Protein backbone atom coordinates (compact mmCIF):
# COMPACT_ATOMS: atom_id res chain seq x y z
CA MET A 1 -42.83 44.98 19.80
CA MET A 2 -41.12 47.59 17.58
CA LEU A 3 -37.55 48.55 18.44
CA THR A 4 -36.83 52.26 19.00
CA LEU A 5 -34.31 54.03 16.85
CA THR A 6 -31.94 54.37 19.80
CA LYS A 7 -32.06 50.59 20.54
CA ILE A 8 -31.32 49.88 16.78
CA LYS A 9 -28.30 52.19 16.82
CA THR A 10 -26.95 50.53 20.02
CA ALA A 11 -27.33 47.05 18.58
CA SER A 12 -25.56 48.12 15.40
CA ARG A 13 -22.59 49.49 17.36
CA ARG A 14 -22.36 46.15 19.18
CA LEU A 15 -22.28 44.27 15.85
CA ILE A 16 -19.52 46.54 14.54
CA LEU A 17 -17.40 46.24 17.70
CA LEU A 18 -17.76 42.53 18.27
CA PRO A 19 -15.60 41.42 15.26
CA LEU A 20 -12.84 43.84 16.53
CA LEU A 21 -12.98 42.35 20.00
CA THR A 22 -13.10 38.65 18.87
CA GLY A 23 -11.10 38.70 15.70
CA LEU A 24 -13.94 36.97 13.81
CA PRO A 25 -15.20 38.05 10.43
CA LEU A 26 -18.56 39.87 10.44
CA SER A 27 -20.06 37.22 8.24
CA ALA A 28 -19.53 34.61 10.92
CA LEU A 29 -21.74 36.43 13.41
CA SER A 30 -24.87 35.77 11.34
CA ALA A 31 -24.49 31.98 11.67
CA PRO A 32 -25.66 29.90 14.58
CA ALA A 33 -22.91 28.88 17.04
CA THR A 34 -22.78 25.19 15.95
CA GLU A 35 -22.60 26.20 12.28
CA HIS A 36 -19.90 28.79 12.98
CA GLY A 37 -17.83 26.27 14.85
CA SER A 38 -17.88 23.82 11.93
CA ARG A 39 -17.19 26.59 9.44
CA SER A 40 -14.08 27.78 11.36
CA LEU A 41 -12.75 24.16 11.52
CA ASP A 42 -13.15 23.87 7.75
CA GLN A 43 -11.52 27.23 7.11
CA GLN A 44 -8.43 26.09 9.14
CA LEU A 45 -8.30 22.73 7.42
CA ARG A 46 -8.72 23.98 3.96
CA ALA A 47 -6.07 26.57 4.47
CA ARG A 48 -3.69 23.91 5.78
CA LEU A 49 -4.42 21.56 2.90
CA ASN A 50 -3.77 24.47 0.49
CA ASN A 51 -0.57 25.25 2.27
CA HIS A 52 0.63 21.64 1.82
CA ASN A 53 -0.67 21.41 -1.78
CA VAL A 54 -3.02 18.56 -1.00
CA THR A 55 -5.33 18.24 -3.96
CA GLN A 56 -7.53 15.59 -5.67
CA VAL A 57 -5.62 12.75 -7.13
CA THR A 58 -5.96 12.33 -10.94
CA PRO A 59 -7.17 8.79 -11.51
CA PRO A 60 -5.39 6.64 -14.10
CA PRO A 61 -6.87 6.31 -17.54
CA SER A 62 -9.66 3.83 -18.08
CA GLN A 63 -8.25 0.45 -18.98
CA PRO A 64 -9.32 -1.59 -22.07
CA PRO A 65 -12.08 -3.94 -20.92
CA ALA A 66 -10.65 -6.99 -22.85
CA LEU A 67 -7.26 -6.36 -21.20
CA VAL A 68 -8.82 -6.22 -17.83
CA ALA A 69 -10.78 -9.38 -18.44
CA LEU A 70 -7.59 -11.29 -19.34
CA GLY A 71 -5.77 -9.72 -16.36
CA ARG A 72 -8.52 -10.61 -13.93
CA ASN A 73 -8.19 -14.34 -14.88
CA LEU A 74 -4.46 -14.22 -14.77
CA PHE A 75 -4.50 -12.46 -11.36
CA PHE A 76 -6.23 -15.46 -9.82
CA GLU A 77 -4.46 -18.10 -12.04
CA LYS A 78 -2.20 -20.56 -10.28
CA GLU A 79 -0.98 -21.95 -13.57
CA ILE A 80 1.63 -19.10 -13.67
CA SER A 81 3.39 -20.42 -10.52
CA GLY A 82 5.85 -23.27 -10.80
CA ARG A 83 3.92 -25.70 -8.69
CA ARG A 84 0.51 -24.51 -9.94
CA ASN A 85 -0.34 -23.75 -6.25
CA ILE A 86 -0.04 -19.95 -5.83
CA SER A 87 -1.63 -17.00 -7.71
CA CYS A 88 -1.13 -13.19 -7.40
CA ALA A 89 -4.34 -13.23 -5.30
CA THR A 90 -2.79 -15.63 -2.77
CA CYS A 91 -0.75 -12.65 -1.36
CA HIS A 92 -2.83 -9.80 -2.82
CA ASN A 93 -6.20 -10.97 -1.68
CA PRO A 94 -9.01 -8.55 -2.66
CA LEU A 95 -10.86 -9.51 0.49
CA LEU A 96 -7.93 -8.60 2.70
CA GLY A 97 -7.21 -5.07 1.62
CA SER A 98 -5.28 -6.34 -1.41
CA ALA A 99 -2.70 -7.90 0.91
CA ASP A 100 -2.75 -11.05 3.01
CA GLY A 101 -3.20 -10.11 6.64
CA GLN A 102 0.21 -11.68 7.61
CA SER A 103 3.18 -9.92 9.19
CA GLN A 104 5.39 -11.68 6.58
CA SER A 105 3.91 -13.74 3.76
CA ARG A 106 4.07 -17.48 3.45
CA GLY A 107 4.82 -18.62 -0.01
CA GLN A 108 5.85 -22.03 -1.25
CA GLY A 109 5.41 -24.89 1.22
CA ALA A 110 2.35 -23.25 2.76
CA ILE A 111 -1.36 -23.72 2.23
CA GLY A 112 -4.50 -21.68 3.09
CA LEU A 113 -5.30 -17.96 2.58
CA GLY A 114 -4.75 -14.90 4.71
CA PRO A 115 -3.92 -15.12 8.43
CA ALA A 116 -4.88 -18.88 8.29
CA ARG A 117 -2.14 -19.76 5.84
CA ARG A 118 0.36 -22.19 7.39
CA GLN A 119 3.19 -24.64 6.48
CA ASN A 120 1.78 -27.55 4.55
CA GLY A 121 2.70 -30.61 6.59
CA ASP A 122 6.51 -31.21 6.32
CA GLU A 123 6.95 -29.49 3.09
CA TYR A 124 10.09 -27.29 2.82
CA PHE A 125 8.96 -23.76 3.68
CA GLN A 126 10.42 -20.35 4.51
CA PHE A 127 8.76 -17.01 5.11
CA LEU A 128 8.97 -14.36 2.50
CA PRO A 129 11.15 -11.60 3.97
CA ARG A 130 8.57 -8.76 4.12
CA ASN A 131 4.96 -7.76 4.51
CA THR A 132 2.87 -7.87 1.42
CA PRO A 133 2.37 -4.30 0.16
CA SER A 134 -1.16 -3.33 -0.91
CA LEU A 135 -2.12 -2.49 -4.46
CA TRP A 136 -4.43 0.52 -3.83
CA ASN A 137 -3.87 3.27 -6.38
CA ARG A 138 -0.58 1.86 -7.76
CA GLY A 139 -1.83 2.67 -11.26
CA VAL A 140 -1.86 6.44 -10.81
CA ALA A 141 0.77 8.32 -12.83
CA GLN A 142 3.09 9.43 -9.99
CA TRP A 143 3.61 5.85 -8.72
CA THR A 144 6.81 5.05 -10.64
CA THR A 145 8.69 2.73 -8.25
CA MET A 146 7.54 -0.52 -6.55
CA PHE A 147 8.42 -2.65 -3.52
CA TRP A 148 9.35 -1.52 -0.04
CA ASP A 149 12.94 -0.84 -1.14
CA GLY A 150 12.12 0.63 -4.63
CA ARG A 151 14.06 -1.98 -6.57
CA LEU A 152 11.81 -1.75 -9.50
CA GLY A 153 10.32 1.21 -11.40
CA GLY A 154 10.41 3.46 -14.30
CA THR A 155 8.16 4.95 -17.03
CA PRO A 156 7.69 4.41 -20.77
CA GLU A 157 9.69 7.61 -21.31
CA THR A 158 12.59 6.88 -18.95
CA GLY A 159 12.65 3.10 -19.31
CA PHE A 160 12.21 0.47 -16.67
CA PHE A 161 14.60 -1.11 -14.12
CA SER A 162 14.13 -4.15 -12.06
CA PRO A 163 16.12 -7.00 -10.35
CA ALA A 164 16.42 -8.48 -13.82
CA GLY A 165 18.84 -5.73 -14.88
CA ALA A 166 19.37 -5.53 -18.62
CA ALA A 167 16.82 -8.32 -19.18
CA THR A 168 14.01 -6.09 -17.91
CA PRO A 169 11.42 -5.77 -20.65
CA GLN A 170 10.84 -2.14 -21.70
CA ASN A 171 7.49 -2.28 -23.47
CA PHE A 172 5.34 -1.70 -20.36
CA SER A 173 2.81 1.12 -19.93
CA SER A 174 3.54 1.54 -16.22
CA ALA A 175 5.68 0.54 -13.27
CA LEU A 176 2.71 -1.51 -11.98
CA ALA A 177 2.68 -3.58 -15.12
CA ALA A 178 6.38 -4.22 -14.89
CA PHE A 179 6.04 -5.12 -11.15
CA THR A 180 3.67 -8.04 -11.92
CA ILE A 181 6.31 -10.20 -13.67
CA ILE A 182 8.82 -10.31 -10.74
CA PRO A 183 7.02 -12.41 -8.15
CA VAL A 184 6.91 -15.39 -10.49
CA THR A 185 10.70 -15.72 -10.39
CA PRO A 186 11.86 -16.33 -6.78
CA ASP A 187 11.79 -19.96 -5.64
CA GLU A 188 10.23 -19.18 -2.25
CA GLU A 189 7.54 -17.12 -3.77
CA MET A 190 5.80 -18.44 -6.84
CA ARG A 191 8.39 -20.60 -8.69
CA GLY A 192 8.98 -23.42 -6.22
CA PHE A 193 12.07 -24.99 -4.76
CA PRO A 194 14.29 -27.59 -6.58
CA GLY A 195 12.89 -31.10 -6.51
CA GLN A 196 9.31 -30.02 -5.63
CA THR A 197 6.57 -31.35 -7.92
CA ASP A 198 3.44 -29.59 -8.87
CA ILE A 199 -0.01 -30.28 -7.35
CA PHE A 200 -0.45 -33.14 -9.71
CA GLY A 201 2.78 -34.83 -8.78
CA GLN A 202 4.31 -33.77 -12.06
CA ALA A 203 7.76 -32.24 -12.53
CA ASN A 204 7.95 -28.45 -12.12
CA GLU A 205 10.05 -27.40 -15.17
CA MET A 206 10.81 -24.03 -13.52
CA SER A 207 12.21 -25.41 -10.26
CA GLU A 208 15.72 -26.29 -11.52
CA LEU A 209 16.27 -22.77 -12.76
CA GLY A 210 17.80 -20.09 -10.51
CA ASN A 211 16.19 -16.98 -9.16
CA GLU A 212 18.11 -14.90 -11.59
CA ASP A 213 17.17 -16.92 -14.69
CA PHE A 214 14.48 -14.35 -15.41
CA VAL A 215 14.04 -14.69 -19.10
CA GLN A 216 13.88 -18.50 -19.00
CA ILE A 217 11.24 -18.41 -16.22
CA TRP A 218 9.19 -15.72 -17.97
CA ASP A 219 9.18 -17.78 -21.21
CA LEU A 220 7.90 -20.86 -19.33
CA VAL A 221 5.18 -18.80 -17.63
CA THR A 222 4.06 -17.48 -20.94
CA ALA A 223 4.02 -20.85 -22.58
CA ARG A 224 1.79 -22.18 -19.80
CA VAL A 225 -0.75 -19.48 -20.41
CA THR A 226 -0.78 -19.78 -24.20
CA ALA A 227 -1.01 -23.62 -23.97
CA HIS A 228 -4.51 -23.41 -22.46
CA ASP A 229 -7.38 -23.28 -24.99
CA GLY A 230 -9.37 -21.38 -22.38
CA TYR A 231 -7.04 -18.36 -22.82
CA ASN A 232 -7.22 -18.24 -26.60
CA ASP A 233 -10.10 -15.89 -26.91
CA LEU A 234 -9.03 -13.78 -23.91
CA LEU A 235 -5.53 -13.30 -25.38
CA ALA A 236 -6.90 -12.58 -28.91
CA ASN A 237 -9.35 -9.99 -27.56
CA ALA A 238 -6.75 -8.33 -25.43
CA PHE A 239 -4.10 -8.24 -28.06
CA PRO A 240 -5.81 -8.23 -31.46
CA GLY A 241 -3.48 -8.87 -34.35
CA VAL A 242 -0.69 -10.18 -32.22
CA PRO A 243 0.25 -13.79 -33.16
CA GLU A 244 0.48 -16.24 -30.29
CA SER A 245 4.16 -16.75 -31.20
CA GLU A 246 4.83 -13.06 -30.44
CA LEU A 247 3.19 -13.07 -27.06
CA ASP A 248 5.71 -12.79 -24.11
CA ILE A 249 5.83 -11.99 -20.40
CA SER A 250 5.28 -8.24 -21.05
CA HIS A 251 1.79 -9.06 -22.45
CA ILE A 252 1.06 -11.09 -19.37
CA GLY A 253 2.27 -8.13 -17.16
CA GLU A 254 0.30 -5.61 -19.09
CA ALA A 255 -2.91 -7.58 -18.60
CA ILE A 256 -2.45 -8.11 -14.89
CA GLY A 257 -1.35 -4.44 -14.45
CA ALA A 258 -4.57 -3.33 -16.21
CA PHE A 259 -6.70 -5.41 -13.96
CA MET A 260 -4.96 -4.13 -10.85
CA THR A 261 -5.33 -0.55 -12.05
CA ASP A 262 -8.98 -1.03 -12.81
CA GLU A 263 -9.91 -2.83 -9.68
CA PHE A 264 -7.66 -1.33 -7.00
CA THR A 265 -7.99 2.38 -7.79
CA ALA A 266 -9.67 3.71 -4.63
CA LEU A 267 -10.30 7.46 -4.90
CA ASN A 268 -13.78 7.83 -3.51
CA SER A 269 -13.18 8.09 0.23
CA PRO A 270 -14.78 10.69 2.54
CA PHE A 271 -11.50 12.60 2.22
CA ASP A 272 -11.85 12.64 -1.54
CA LEU A 273 -15.35 14.05 -1.28
CA TYR A 274 -14.06 16.71 1.17
CA LEU A 275 -11.35 17.64 -1.41
CA LYS A 276 -14.10 18.05 -3.91
CA GLY A 277 -15.76 20.61 -1.69
CA ASN A 278 -18.15 18.69 0.56
CA ASN A 279 -17.63 20.01 4.01
CA LYS A 280 -19.96 17.40 5.45
CA ALA A 281 -17.96 14.47 4.11
CA LEU A 282 -15.64 14.51 7.20
CA SER A 283 -16.72 14.29 10.90
CA LYS A 284 -15.46 16.98 13.33
CA ARG A 285 -13.15 14.36 14.90
CA ALA A 286 -11.70 13.54 11.49
CA LYS A 287 -11.16 17.21 10.73
CA ARG A 288 -9.40 17.75 13.98
CA GLY A 289 -7.21 14.71 13.21
CA ALA A 290 -6.42 16.15 9.85
CA LEU A 291 -5.40 19.42 11.38
CA LEU A 292 -2.99 17.44 13.62
CA PHE A 293 -1.86 15.28 10.65
CA TYR A 294 -1.04 18.43 8.62
CA GLY A 295 0.04 20.34 11.65
CA ARG A 296 1.51 19.58 15.04
CA ALA A 297 1.98 15.85 14.50
CA ASN A 298 3.95 16.61 11.28
CA CYS A 299 2.69 13.36 9.52
CA VAL A 300 2.70 15.42 6.33
CA ASN A 301 6.48 15.59 6.44
CA CYS A 302 6.44 12.08 4.73
CA HIS A 303 2.80 11.37 4.09
CA SER A 304 2.34 14.24 1.74
CA GLY A 305 0.22 14.94 -1.34
CA GLY A 306 -3.15 13.50 -2.28
CA LEU A 307 -2.00 9.86 -1.66
CA GLN A 308 -0.37 10.68 1.69
CA THR A 309 3.09 9.62 0.50
CA ASP A 310 6.11 11.39 -0.69
CA LEU A 311 7.18 8.13 -2.51
CA ASP A 312 10.50 8.53 -0.77
CA PHE A 313 12.41 6.26 1.71
CA HIS A 314 12.95 7.01 5.42
CA ASN A 315 14.27 5.25 8.50
CA ILE A 316 11.47 5.33 11.05
CA ALA A 317 13.28 2.92 13.38
CA ALA A 318 10.95 0.06 12.65
CA PRO A 319 11.45 -2.89 15.06
CA GLN A 320 13.88 -5.36 13.44
CA VAL A 321 11.54 -8.26 13.78
CA GLY A 322 11.09 -11.33 11.53
CA THR A 323 13.46 -13.09 9.13
CA GLY A 324 15.35 -10.09 7.88
CA ARG A 325 16.49 -9.93 4.26
CA GLY A 326 19.54 -10.96 2.24
CA ASP A 327 23.07 -10.94 3.60
CA ALA A 328 22.10 -8.68 6.54
CA ALA A 329 19.54 -11.16 7.95
CA PRO A 330 18.16 -11.24 10.56
CA LEU A 331 18.35 -7.50 9.89
CA ASP A 332 16.66 -5.75 6.94
CA LEU A 333 18.65 -2.90 5.54
CA GLY A 334 15.81 -1.78 3.17
CA ARG A 335 16.82 0.77 0.69
CA GLY A 336 20.48 0.55 1.78
CA ALA A 337 20.77 -2.97 0.36
CA ILE A 338 19.73 -1.63 -3.05
CA THR A 339 21.85 1.51 -3.18
CA GLN A 340 24.80 0.01 -1.14
CA ASP A 341 24.90 3.41 0.65
CA PRO A 342 25.03 2.96 4.48
CA ALA A 343 23.18 6.27 4.74
CA ASP A 344 20.09 4.37 3.25
CA ASN A 345 20.21 1.58 5.74
CA PHE A 346 16.84 0.83 7.41
CA LYS A 347 15.01 3.23 5.00
CA PHE A 348 11.81 1.97 3.54
CA ARG A 349 9.12 3.42 1.24
CA THR A 350 6.66 5.78 2.74
CA PRO A 351 3.43 3.85 2.26
CA SER A 352 0.35 5.57 0.92
CA LEU A 353 -2.37 5.84 3.67
CA ARG A 354 -5.31 5.27 1.38
CA ASN A 355 -7.33 2.33 2.76
CA VAL A 356 -4.75 2.01 5.48
CA GLU A 357 -7.15 0.64 7.98
CA LEU A 358 -7.77 -2.31 5.76
CA GLU A 359 -4.04 -3.26 5.53
CA ALA A 360 -3.04 -4.68 9.05
CA PRO A 361 -0.42 -5.58 10.06
CA TYR A 362 1.80 -2.57 9.47
CA PHE A 363 5.31 -1.73 8.48
CA HIS A 364 7.67 -3.49 6.02
CA ASN A 365 7.80 -6.54 8.28
CA GLY A 366 4.28 -6.37 9.72
CA ALA A 367 5.70 -5.43 13.05
CA TYR A 368 2.48 -3.85 14.37
CA ALA A 369 -0.89 -5.60 14.43
CA LYS A 370 -2.85 -2.45 15.15
CA LEU A 371 -2.98 0.85 13.33
CA ALA A 372 -3.00 2.77 16.64
CA ASP A 373 0.22 1.28 17.61
CA ALA A 374 1.78 2.01 14.24
CA VAL A 375 0.77 5.66 14.77
CA ARG A 376 2.13 5.78 18.28
CA HIS A 377 5.45 4.46 16.90
CA HIS A 378 5.80 7.30 14.55
CA LEU A 379 5.03 9.87 17.36
CA ASP A 380 7.65 8.42 19.69
CA PRO A 381 9.93 5.75 18.09
CA GLN A 382 12.27 5.50 21.11
CA THR A 383 9.54 4.65 23.58
CA SER A 384 7.85 2.37 21.07
CA LEU A 385 11.08 0.40 20.54
CA ALA A 386 11.73 0.13 24.23
CA ASN A 387 8.33 -1.31 24.86
CA TYR A 388 7.79 -3.33 21.64
CA ASP A 389 5.85 -6.55 22.12
CA ALA A 390 7.03 -9.15 19.50
CA THR A 391 4.19 -11.64 20.32
CA GLN A 392 1.87 -9.52 18.07
CA ILE A 393 3.47 -10.95 14.86
CA GLU A 394 3.23 -14.42 13.30
CA PRO A 395 3.85 -16.99 16.07
CA GLU A 396 6.80 -18.58 14.24
CA LEU A 397 8.48 -15.14 13.96
CA SER A 398 7.92 -13.86 17.48
CA GLY A 399 11.31 -14.98 18.70
CA MET A 400 13.09 -13.27 15.76
CA PHE A 401 13.51 -9.83 17.26
CA VAL A 402 16.87 -8.07 17.16
CA ASN A 403 16.86 -5.57 19.95
CA ASP A 404 20.40 -5.47 21.15
CA ALA A 405 21.77 -2.11 22.32
CA ASP A 406 23.87 -1.57 19.11
CA THR A 407 20.95 -2.20 16.75
CA ILE A 408 18.56 0.01 18.67
CA ASN A 409 21.21 2.74 18.91
CA THR A 410 21.81 2.58 15.18
CA LEU A 411 18.15 2.77 14.40
CA LEU A 412 17.62 5.76 16.59
CA THR A 413 20.77 7.72 15.79
CA THR A 414 19.97 7.48 12.01
CA LEU A 415 16.25 8.08 12.54
CA SER A 416 14.68 10.43 9.99
CA PRO A 417 14.52 14.03 11.30
CA LYS A 418 11.11 14.27 9.67
CA LEU A 419 9.60 12.31 12.56
CA SER A 420 8.89 15.03 15.03
CA VAL A 421 6.03 16.36 17.02
CA SER A 422 5.79 20.08 17.50
CA GLY A 423 5.21 21.03 21.13
CA ASP A 424 3.85 18.68 23.71
CA PRO A 425 3.31 14.97 22.99
CA LEU A 426 -0.08 14.13 21.59
CA SER A 427 -2.75 13.03 24.07
CA GLU A 428 -4.74 9.86 23.56
CA ARG A 429 -7.68 11.98 22.45
CA GLU A 430 -5.52 13.59 19.83
CA ILE A 431 -4.23 10.18 18.63
CA ASN A 432 -7.82 9.01 18.34
CA GLN A 433 -8.57 12.07 16.17
CA ILE A 434 -5.75 11.20 13.82
CA LEU A 435 -7.12 7.62 13.63
CA ALA A 436 -10.50 9.10 12.69
CA PHE A 437 -8.85 11.00 9.88
CA LEU A 438 -7.12 7.83 8.69
CA SER A 439 -10.45 6.05 8.73
CA ALA A 440 -11.72 8.75 6.43
CA LEU A 441 -9.19 7.69 3.82
CA THR A 442 -11.05 4.48 3.31
CA ASP A 443 -12.95 4.16 0.04
CA PRO A 444 -16.24 2.33 0.80
CA GLY A 445 -16.05 0.61 -2.60
CA SER A 446 -13.00 -1.32 -1.27
CA LEU A 447 -14.83 -2.96 1.60
CA ASN A 448 -16.48 -5.76 -0.39
CA LYS A 449 -14.53 -7.22 -3.26
CA LEU A 450 -16.22 -10.62 -3.39
CA ASN A 451 -17.61 -9.92 -6.91
CA VAL A 452 -14.02 -9.62 -8.21
CA VAL A 453 -13.32 -13.39 -7.70
CA PRO A 454 -14.09 -15.35 -10.92
CA ASP A 455 -16.38 -18.38 -10.75
CA GLN A 456 -13.75 -20.53 -12.53
CA LEU A 457 -10.43 -20.21 -14.31
CA PRO A 458 -9.59 -20.97 -17.93
CA SER A 459 -6.87 -23.39 -16.78
CA GLY A 460 -9.46 -25.40 -14.77
CA LEU A 461 -7.33 -25.15 -11.69
CA SER A 462 -9.17 -24.57 -8.35
CA LEU A 463 -9.57 -21.12 -6.85
CA ALA A 464 -9.59 -22.70 -3.37
CA ASP A 465 -6.39 -23.32 -1.57
């Protein structure tokens, strides 16, 4: 039936008045209710992302295929450890989120992979003092320092620093490449303890050196690689024109760093698709979680930028559980042990949250087995510390929990002021929304890395543990 002119005029007046009464743009009135609701959520979120300068992450340059091929083999190669029993992949397992699923890693004197790794009979063994950090996106340009306490880093322009001090090689292309040459040096990690033989019962020529004999250890690692005929072509292809006599640990590091960059760059998550303009890439729950993350929950105070990290160090009052590190053990002073500034005590690197749901357990010492509990700790550290359950970490470490009044007071009185929730505490529903957003930071390509594992190694050593 045809509308009369009067009815048309009346309807037009209502369309004009409705935006004034509701505060909505006129364009929104033409969309169905469900579509309008989604659009409003996207408008809020995109405005908030823009306000916090959250943009797409620039991926690292493509790595030379020959360098990646060499690095892939070296990443799984146990020949570079003193006892020929541990590789980079032992702790940075591609099938375990590029970490190892343990609160604190088990190095020399242990056998097995991932959470099943345990002390090997009565061999001398001690836990490594911290949780294995993941490798996701460590090859991007802004990632210029490594380790939980930032004790290694640099760029080709500024130079590189490391625990090796003046002996640190300077011809690396990135901090990630420089990082690769440090784990081979500690006795409890890859080098082996004095008196321990290798898997063949032969002497370990590295074991009698000290943890600070960096150059000597690096030379022995390089000699082991170049001594294997199986690496001849790989080395020649990766470094054409470089005589074998001129190869050193920096070449080994460059190759492993190239592989890590190539394999562990993960920038195709639903959130990345959303940053590229696809509003359908995130669920409504994830969008609401992102609004909390970049709003009332204030997660963005530390987890900023496209990688969700400010690459800085903060005290979040992490439970002092596990072995501790250095002279402060059973405490771990974190950044403070590096700078020697008490103001930096208990500060640790803000981890990137990319692929975070693949990286349990959480914090520098693996204090929390579940991501939800790690989130709750950030939202209310005092309550979390008061109710912390130490049985969730490795069984041998569960009794190593320093929770006396003085320690708890120090942790809380020096707590980073950036940990704050605006307004009322978050509800369980809101926490679940934040978890949905964190899940949207997972790159699907990171879920199955079985194809990364080589069928065999040039050294002939077994990939199995």
